[in-house]
Amino acid sequence: MPKLIQERWKCIGCGACAAVAGDFWEMADDSKSRMKIKHATKKTKDGELDEGELKANEVAPNQEAVNVCPVTCIKIQK
């Protein structure tokens, strides 16, 4: 199953991922994007690296988020 990974320390808070894949991404209080809780299956203690499992039908919208991120902090690991 593909994994969705976000390296939050790289995020500049542009909001592009939330704009194109709002079912999976939201803007947090610290002005950085984050994976919505229902999709995050693993979070580091400091909250700077989030990981989630993706179902087949969830890959395409998240690939769009990967494509629009200007700092490449979102990745899909197959």
C-alpha atoms as a PDB file:
ATOM      1  CA  MET A   1       0.000   0.000   0.000  1.00  0.00           C
ATOM      2  CA  PRO A   2       1.415   3.447  -0.900  1.00  0.00           C
ATOM      3  CA  LYS A   3       2.492   5.771   1.898  1.00  0.00           C
ATOM      4  CA  LEU A   4       1.947   9.492   2.043  1.00  0.00           C
ATOM      5  CA  ILE A   5       4.796  11.336   3.766  1.00  0.00           C
ATOM      6  CA  GLN A   6       5.086  14.987   4.734  1.00  0.00           C
ATOM      7  CA  GLU A   7       8.281  16.593   5.995  1.00  0.00           C
ATOM      8  CA  ARG A   8       6.602  19.494   7.842  1.00  0.00           C
ATOM      9  CA  TRP A   9       9.854  21.300   8.657  1.00  0.00           C
ATOM     10  CA  LYS A  10      10.167  22.076   4.932  1.00  0.00           C
ATOM     11  CA  CYS A  11       6.630  23.496   4.622  1.00  0.00           C
ATOM     12  CA  ILE A  12       6.398  27.229   3.853  1.00  0.00           C
ATOM     13  CA  GLY A  13       2.632  27.402   4.389  1.00  0.00           C
ATOM     14  CA  CYS A  14       1.603  28.311   0.851  1.00  0.00           C
ATOM     15  CA  GLY A  15      -1.607  26.243   1.142  1.00  0.00           C
ATOM     16  CA  ALA A  16      -1.389  24.712  -2.327  1.00  0.00           C
ATOM     17  CA  CYS A  17      -1.852  21.145  -1.058  1.00  0.00           C
ATOM     18  CA  ALA A  18      -4.957  22.093   0.927  1.00  0.00           C
ATOM     19  CA  ALA A  19      -6.330  23.912  -2.118  1.00  0.00           C
ATOM     20  CA  VAL A  20      -6.016  20.934  -4.479  1.00  0.00           C
ATOM     21  CA  ALA A  21      -6.594  18.052  -2.015  1.00  0.00           C
ATOM     22  CA  GLY A  22      -8.658  19.517   0.812  1.00  0.00           C
ATOM     23  CA  ASP A  23      -9.998  16.099   1.822  1.00  0.00           C
ATOM     24  CA  PHE A  24      -6.476  15.155   2.922  1.00  0.00           C
ATOM     25  CA  TRP A  25      -4.702  18.428   3.796  1.00  0.00           C
ATOM     26  CA  GLU A  26      -5.452  21.407   6.028  1.00  0.00           C
ATOM     27  CA  MET A  27      -3.642  24.449   7.321  1.00  0.00           C
ATOM     28  CA  ALA A  28      -2.605  24.164  10.978  1.00  0.00           C
ATOM     29  CA  ASP A  29      -2.401  26.862  13.642  1.00  0.00           C
ATOM     30  CA  ASP A  30       1.336  27.225  12.980  1.00  0.00           C
ATOM     31  CA  SER A  31       0.522  28.283   9.368  1.00  0.00           C
ATOM     32  CA  LYS A  32       1.966  25.077   7.928  1.00  0.00           C
ATOM     33  CA  SER A  33      -0.055  22.414   6.180  1.00  0.00           C
ATOM     34  CA  ARG A  34      -0.701  19.085   7.806  1.00  0.00           C
ATOM     35  CA  MET A  35      -2.266  15.791   6.947  1.00  0.00           C
ATOM     36  CA  LYS A  36      -5.806  15.589   8.265  1.00  0.00           C
ATOM     37  CA  ILE A  37      -5.886  13.409  11.383  1.00  0.00           C
ATOM     38  CA  LYS A  38      -7.996  10.639   9.832  1.00  0.00           C
ATOM     39  CA  HIS A  39      -5.275  10.062   7.224  1.00  0.00           C
ATOM     40  CA  ALA A  40      -2.183  10.284   9.434  1.00  0.00           C
ATOM     41  CA  THR A  41      -1.264   6.872  10.770  1.00  0.00           C
ATOM     42  CA  LYS A  42       2.142   7.776  12.175  1.00  0.00           C
ATOM     43  CA  LYS A  43       3.350  11.098  13.567  1.00  0.00           C
ATOM     44  CA  THR A  44       6.718  11.920  15.049  1.00  0.00           C
ATOM     45  CA  LYS A  45       6.798  13.251  18.586  1.00  0.00           C
ATOM     46  CA  ASP A  46       7.760  16.737  17.430  1.00  0.00           C
ATOM     47  CA  GLY A  47       5.102  16.707  14.688  1.00  0.00           C
ATOM     48  CA  GLU A  48       7.598  17.398  11.926  1.00  0.00           C
ATOM     49  CA  LEU A  49       7.174  14.157   9.976  1.00  0.00           C
ATOM     50  CA  ASP A  50       3.746  12.703   9.276  1.00  0.00           C
ATOM     51  CA  GLU A  51       3.008   9.474   7.461  1.00  0.00           C
ATOM     52  CA  GLY A  52      -0.222   7.898   6.267  1.00  0.00           C
ATOM     53  CA  GLU A  53      -1.373   4.870   4.323  1.00  0.00           C
ATOM     54  CA  LEU A  54      -3.160   5.549   1.034  1.00  0.00           C
ATOM     55  CA  LYS A  55      -5.874   3.480  -0.595  1.00  0.00           C
ATOM     56  CA  ALA A  56      -5.721   3.152  -4.376  1.00  0.00           C
ATOM     57  CA  ASN A  57      -8.383   5.814  -4.958  1.00  0.00           C
ATOM     58  CA  GLU A  58      -6.525   8.292  -2.699  1.00  0.00           C
ATOM     59  CA  VAL A  59      -3.277   8.356  -4.677  1.00  0.00           C
ATOM     60  CA  ALA A  60      -4.410  10.671  -7.506  1.00  0.00           C
ATOM     61  CA  PRO A  61      -5.568  13.634  -5.380  1.00  0.00           C
ATOM     62  CA  ASN A  62      -2.455  13.385  -3.242  1.00  0.00           C
ATOM     63  CA  GLN A  63      -0.241  13.177  -6.324  1.00  0.00           C
ATOM     64  CA  GLU A  64      -1.726  16.550  -7.242  1.00  0.00           C
ATOM     65  CA  ALA A  65      -0.659  17.861  -3.820  1.00  0.00           C
ATOM     66  CA  VAL A  66       2.846  16.487  -4.439  1.00  0.00           C
ATOM     67  CA  ASN A  67       2.938  18.186  -7.838  1.00  0.00           C
ATOM     68  CA  VAL A  68       1.907  21.646  -6.577  1.00  0.00           C
ATOM     69  CA  CYS A  69       4.112  21.766  -3.474  1.00  0.00           C
ATOM     70  CA  PRO A  70       6.858  24.318  -4.214  1.00  0.00           C
ATOM     71  CA  VAL A  71       9.243  22.906  -1.597  1.00  0.00           C
ATOM     72  CA  THR A  72       8.625  19.184  -2.231  1.00  0.00           C
ATOM     73  CA  CYS A  73       7.771  18.408   1.370  1.00  0.00           C
ATOM     74  CA  ILE A  74       5.074  15.894   0.367  1.00  0.00           C
ATOM     75  CA  LYS A  75       5.974  12.524  -1.112  1.00  0.00           C
ATOM     76  CA  ILE A  76       4.198   9.333  -2.083  1.00  0.00           C
ATOM     77  CA  GLN A  77       6.237   6.222  -1.396  1.00  0.00           C
ATOM     78  CA  LYS A  78       5.102   3.201  -3.382  1.00  0.00           C
END
